Protein backbone atom coordinates (compact mmCIF):
# COMPACT_ATOMS: atom_id res chain seq x y z
CA UNK A 1 26.41 -0.33 -6.37
CA UNK A 2 29.71 0.73 -7.89
CA UNK A 3 30.53 0.58 -11.57
CA UNK A 4 33.41 -1.69 -12.61
CA UNK A 5 34.77 1.38 -14.45
CA UNK A 6 34.89 3.58 -11.37
CA UNK A 7 38.11 3.85 -9.36
CA UNK A 8 38.14 1.80 -6.17
CA UNK A 9 36.80 3.77 -3.21
CA UNK A 10 40.05 3.47 -1.25
CA UNK A 11 42.37 4.52 -4.10
CA UNK A 12 44.57 7.40 -2.79
CA UNK A 13 45.01 8.73 -6.35
CA UNK A 14 41.25 9.22 -6.64
CA UNK A 15 39.93 10.40 -3.27
CA UNK A 16 36.15 10.50 -3.21
CA UNK A 17 34.59 13.91 -3.65
CA UNK A 18 31.63 14.12 -1.26
CA UNK A 19 30.04 16.87 -3.36
CA UNK A 20 30.12 14.92 -6.62
CA UNK A 21 28.13 11.79 -7.34
CA UNK A 22 29.83 9.03 -9.26
CA UNK A 23 28.46 9.32 -12.83
CA UNK A 24 28.95 5.59 -13.34
CA UNK A 25 26.84 4.47 -10.39
CA UNK A 26 23.64 2.91 -11.63
CA UNK A 27 23.96 3.98 -15.27
CA UNK A 28 23.13 0.45 -16.44
CA UNK A 29 20.05 0.08 -14.25
CA UNK A 30 16.57 0.67 -15.68
CA UNK A 31 14.73 3.63 -14.19
CA UNK A 32 12.74 2.89 -11.07
CA UNK A 33 9.06 2.34 -11.84
CA UNK A 34 6.79 5.25 -11.11
CA UNK A 35 3.48 4.73 -9.41
CA UNK A 36 0.20 6.10 -10.67
CA UNK A 37 -0.86 7.00 -7.12
CA UNK A 38 1.46 8.70 -4.62
CA UNK A 39 0.32 6.67 -1.60
CA UNK A 40 -2.43 4.43 -0.25
CA UNK A 41 -4.69 7.37 0.69
CA UNK A 42 -4.60 8.80 -2.84
CA UNK A 43 -5.22 5.30 -4.25
CA UNK A 44 -8.26 4.94 -2.00
CA UNK A 45 -9.67 8.39 -2.80
CA UNK A 46 -9.05 8.37 -6.53
CA UNK A 47 -9.69 4.70 -7.33
CA UNK A 48 -10.75 2.16 -4.72
CA UNK A 49 -13.58 4.18 -3.19
CA UNK A 50 -14.96 4.83 -6.68
CA UNK A 51 -14.64 1.23 -7.82
CA UNK A 52 -16.40 -0.16 -4.73
CA UNK A 53 -19.73 1.66 -4.88
CA UNK A 54 -21.61 0.21 -1.94
CA UNK A 55 -23.14 3.08 -0.02
CA UNK A 56 -22.98 3.22 3.75
CA UNK A 57 -24.21 1.11 5.42
CA UNK A 58 -23.29 -1.50 2.88
CA UNK A 59 -26.19 -3.88 2.15
CA UNK A 60 -26.22 -6.52 4.85
CA UNK A 61 -25.42 -4.06 7.63
CA UNK A 62 -21.70 -3.81 7.06
CA UNK A 63 -20.27 -0.39 7.83
CA UNK A 64 -17.38 1.43 6.26
CA UNK A 65 -15.67 3.75 8.70
CA UNK A 66 -15.36 7.30 7.32
CA UNK A 67 -11.95 7.46 9.04
CA UNK A 68 -10.88 4.03 7.78
CA UNK A 69 -7.14 4.89 7.75
CA UNK A 70 -7.18 5.04 11.59
CA UNK A 71 -7.80 1.28 11.67
CA UNK A 72 -4.42 -0.45 11.39
CA UNK A 73 -5.93 -3.49 9.66
CA UNK A 74 -7.73 -1.39 7.07
CA UNK A 75 -4.70 0.80 6.42
CA UNK A 76 -2.49 -2.27 5.98
CA UNK A 77 -4.99 -3.98 3.67
CA UNK A 78 -5.55 -0.88 1.53
CA UNK A 79 -1.78 -0.37 1.33
CA UNK A 80 -1.42 -3.97 0.15
CA UNK A 81 -4.14 -3.39 -2.45
CA UNK A 82 -2.43 -0.22 -3.65
CA UNK A 83 0.99 -1.88 -4.01
CA UNK A 84 -0.50 -4.92 -5.77
CA UNK A 85 -2.51 -2.67 -8.09
CA UNK A 86 0.58 -0.65 -9.03
CA UNK A 87 2.50 -3.86 -9.83
CA UNK A 88 -0.38 -5.32 -11.85
CA UNK A 89 -0.89 -2.05 -13.67
CA UNK A 90 2.76 -2.08 -14.75
CA UNK A 91 2.53 -5.75 -15.82
CA UNK A 92 -0.46 -5.15 -18.11
CA UNK A 93 -2.08 -8.00 -19.99
CA UNK A 94 -4.41 -9.95 -17.74
CA UNK A 95 -2.71 -8.73 -14.54
CA UNK A 96 -5.42 -6.12 -13.84
CA UNK A 97 -8.10 -8.85 -13.94
CA UNK A 98 -5.97 -11.00 -11.65
CA UNK A 99 -5.75 -8.05 -9.25
CA UNK A 100 -9.52 -8.09 -8.82
CA UNK A 101 -9.77 -11.85 -8.31
CA UNK A 102 -6.62 -12.41 -6.24
CA UNK A 103 -6.39 -9.19 -4.26
CA UNK A 104 -9.29 -6.73 -4.35
CA UNK A 105 -12.22 -9.10 -3.92
CA UNK A 106 -10.80 -11.17 -1.02
CA UNK A 107 -9.28 -8.20 0.82
CA UNK A 108 -12.39 -6.04 0.51
CA UNK A 109 -14.57 -9.01 1.49
CA UNK A 110 -12.55 -9.23 4.72
CA UNK A 111 -12.95 -5.50 5.41
CA UNK A 112 -16.71 -5.68 4.77
CA UNK A 113 -17.19 -8.49 7.30
CA UNK A 114 -19.55 -7.31 10.10
CA UNK A 115 -17.12 -8.12 12.93
CA UNK A 116 -13.99 -7.01 11.08
CA UNK A 117 -12.03 -3.78 11.38
CA UNK A 118 -15.02 -1.45 11.28
CA UNK A 119 -17.20 -3.11 13.91
CA UNK A 120 -18.58 -0.28 16.04
CA UNK A 121 -18.08 2.44 13.42
CA UNK A 122 -20.83 4.00 11.34
CA UNK A 123 -21.48 7.17 9.37
CA UNK A 124 -23.60 8.47 12.27
CA UNK A 125 -21.13 7.55 15.06
CA UNK A 126 -18.05 7.96 12.87
CA UNK A 127 -14.85 6.32 14.13
CA UNK A 128 -15.59 4.14 17.18
CA UNK A 129 -13.57 0.98 16.91
CA UNK A 130 -15.01 -1.94 18.85
CA UNK A 131 -12.18 -4.34 18.22
CA UNK A 132 -9.00 -4.65 20.24
CA UNK A 133 -5.56 -5.77 19.05
CA UNK A 134 -4.79 -9.47 19.39
CA UNK A 135 -3.58 -10.28 22.90
CA UNK A 136 0.11 -10.76 23.53
CA UNK A 137 1.87 -12.00 26.63
CA UNK A 138 4.93 -9.78 26.95
CA UNK A 139 6.45 -11.70 29.86
CA UNK A 140 9.18 -14.13 28.94
């Protein structure tokens, strides 16, 4: 985004200098929010795995795969939890409680389902996914 105070980019009197950033670009924008956790793996290790103390196998026979990030569904769901947590953490107030009710509980409930992403995996057998991707007919 260009500042209204900056010379137009095609002005021959002010050719752009590729080595110099425009000091007016973005000066009015608030700083980008910083996350508490660098990525979804750090969020899982430092927070989510600690908050969800279940043991393995989880009561009821549900397994948690020790290499959970190799399951696309689990990685996508944990990433969604991380991004939602970061947003709720910035919002403050009751947002952290809403994160548990609206995001963490339903998403983790899905991952703990016996026939969900970790079917076939166990601490003893490690990563052995039993599920296949949804079928897709690639012919048009």
